[in-house]
């Protein structure tokens, strides 16, 4: 991933997203330049700096889908859903409607 980081950074600068969702510890650590665990990073917004003179982009770290498949539980599923609800709220988007019929 380290060899791809400059390319990814250029893509982020070009796209200029409102929010980045980093799936998994590796992605979050690389973008945030930290060694903190995904458990410490998830659930709150962080600031990703894409370049000098550019405002930071909000970044939400959450569990990688492969982790969820290996460690499936209601608790882990709830963590990811809570993270995604924060992203939707930050973007002023409604929660998806879930019809249980």
Protein backbone atom coordinates (compact mmCIF):
# COMPACT_ATOMS: atom_id res chain seq x y z
CA UNK A 1 0.00 0.00 0.00
CA UNK A 2 2.86 2.40 0.75
CA UNK A 3 3.90 2.39 -2.91
CA UNK A 4 0.32 3.30 -3.94
CA UNK A 5 -0.07 6.07 -1.37
CA UNK A 6 1.10 8.97 -3.60
CA UNK A 7 -1.32 7.86 -6.33
CA UNK A 8 -4.17 7.60 -3.82
CA UNK A 9 -3.34 11.02 -2.39
CA UNK A 10 -3.47 12.57 -5.88
CA UNK A 11 -6.83 10.90 -6.50
CA UNK A 12 -8.21 12.28 -3.24
CA UNK A 13 -6.95 15.77 -4.13
CA UNK A 14 -8.59 15.55 -7.57
CA UNK A 15 -11.92 14.26 -6.26
CA UNK A 16 -11.93 16.54 -3.20
CA UNK A 17 -14.50 14.45 -1.29
CA UNK A 18 -16.58 15.83 1.55
CA UNK A 19 -15.82 12.73 3.63
CA UNK A 20 -13.52 9.73 3.31
CA UNK A 21 -14.58 6.39 4.77
CA UNK A 22 -11.51 4.27 5.45
CA UNK A 23 -12.39 0.57 5.54
CA UNK A 24 -10.08 -1.18 7.97
CA UNK A 25 -7.09 -0.43 10.11
CA UNK A 26 -4.54 -0.52 7.31
CA UNK A 27 -6.33 2.11 5.19
CA UNK A 28 -7.03 4.33 8.19
CA UNK A 29 -3.48 4.10 9.52
CA UNK A 30 -1.95 4.93 6.14
CA UNK A 31 -4.18 7.94 5.52
CA UNK A 32 -3.93 9.27 9.07
CA UNK A 33 -0.25 8.38 9.51
CA UNK A 34 -0.86 6.69 12.84
CA UNK A 35 -0.32 3.37 14.55
CA UNK A 36 -3.56 3.48 16.54
CA UNK A 37 -5.86 0.46 16.33
CA UNK A 38 -9.11 0.45 14.38
CA UNK A 39 -10.90 0.15 17.70
CA UNK A 40 -9.35 3.45 18.76
CA UNK A 41 -9.96 5.14 15.41
CA UNK A 42 -13.51 4.10 14.54
CA UNK A 43 -16.59 5.94 15.69
CA UNK A 44 -15.26 9.48 15.37
CA UNK A 45 -14.23 11.82 12.61
CA UNK A 46 -10.56 12.52 12.02
CA UNK A 47 -8.88 15.10 9.82
CA UNK A 48 -7.09 13.93 6.67
CA UNK A 49 -4.72 16.51 5.21
CA UNK A 50 -4.31 16.18 1.45
CA UNK A 51 -1.82 18.97 0.93
CA UNK A 52 -0.36 22.23 2.09
CA UNK A 53 -2.88 25.04 1.95
CA UNK A 54 -5.81 22.67 1.55
CA UNK A 55 -8.43 22.34 4.27
CA UNK A 56 -8.63 18.95 5.97
CA UNK A 57 -11.12 16.34 4.83
CA UNK A 58 -13.18 14.50 7.43
CA UNK A 59 -12.30 10.82 7.63
CA UNK A 60 -14.35 8.10 9.31
CA UNK A 61 -12.55 4.82 9.96
CA UNK A 62 -14.59 1.67 10.36
CA UNK A 63 -14.14 -2.07 10.18
CA UNK A 64 -13.17 -3.68 6.88
CA UNK A 65 -15.87 -5.94 5.37
CA UNK A 66 -13.49 -8.94 5.51
CA UNK A 67 -13.08 -8.39 9.25
CA UNK A 68 -16.85 -8.35 9.67
CA UNK A 69 -17.17 -11.62 7.77
CA UNK A 70 -14.55 -13.29 9.95
CA UNK A 71 -15.82 -11.74 13.20
CA UNK A 72 -19.52 -11.41 12.57
CA UNK A 73 -21.53 -10.34 15.58
CA UNK A 74 -24.43 -8.03 16.31
CA UNK A 75 -22.02 -5.78 18.20
CA UNK A 76 -19.59 -5.40 15.26
CA UNK A 77 -22.46 -4.89 12.87
CA UNK A 78 -23.87 -2.20 15.17
CA UNK A 79 -20.47 -0.44 15.31
CA UNK A 80 -20.31 -0.14 11.53
CA UNK A 81 -23.93 0.99 11.31
CA UNK A 82 -23.28 3.68 13.95
CA UNK A 83 -20.23 4.85 11.96
CA UNK A 84 -22.25 5.03 8.74
CA UNK A 85 -25.09 6.92 10.45
CA UNK A 86 -22.55 9.55 11.54
CA UNK A 87 -21.31 9.85 7.95
CA UNK A 88 -24.86 10.23 6.61
CA UNK A 89 -25.68 12.83 9.27
CA UNK A 90 -22.52 14.80 8.47
CA UNK A 91 -23.54 14.82 4.80
CA UNK A 92 -27.12 15.80 5.72
CA UNK A 93 -28.43 12.64 4.07
CA UNK A 94 -31.40 10.65 5.36
CA UNK A 95 -31.06 7.19 6.81
CA UNK A 96 -32.13 4.47 4.40
CA UNK A 97 -35.64 3.21 4.97
CA UNK A 98 -35.81 -0.41 6.02
CA UNK A 99 -39.12 -2.10 5.32
CA UNK A 100 -39.49 -5.31 7.33
CA UNK A 101 -42.36 -6.71 5.23
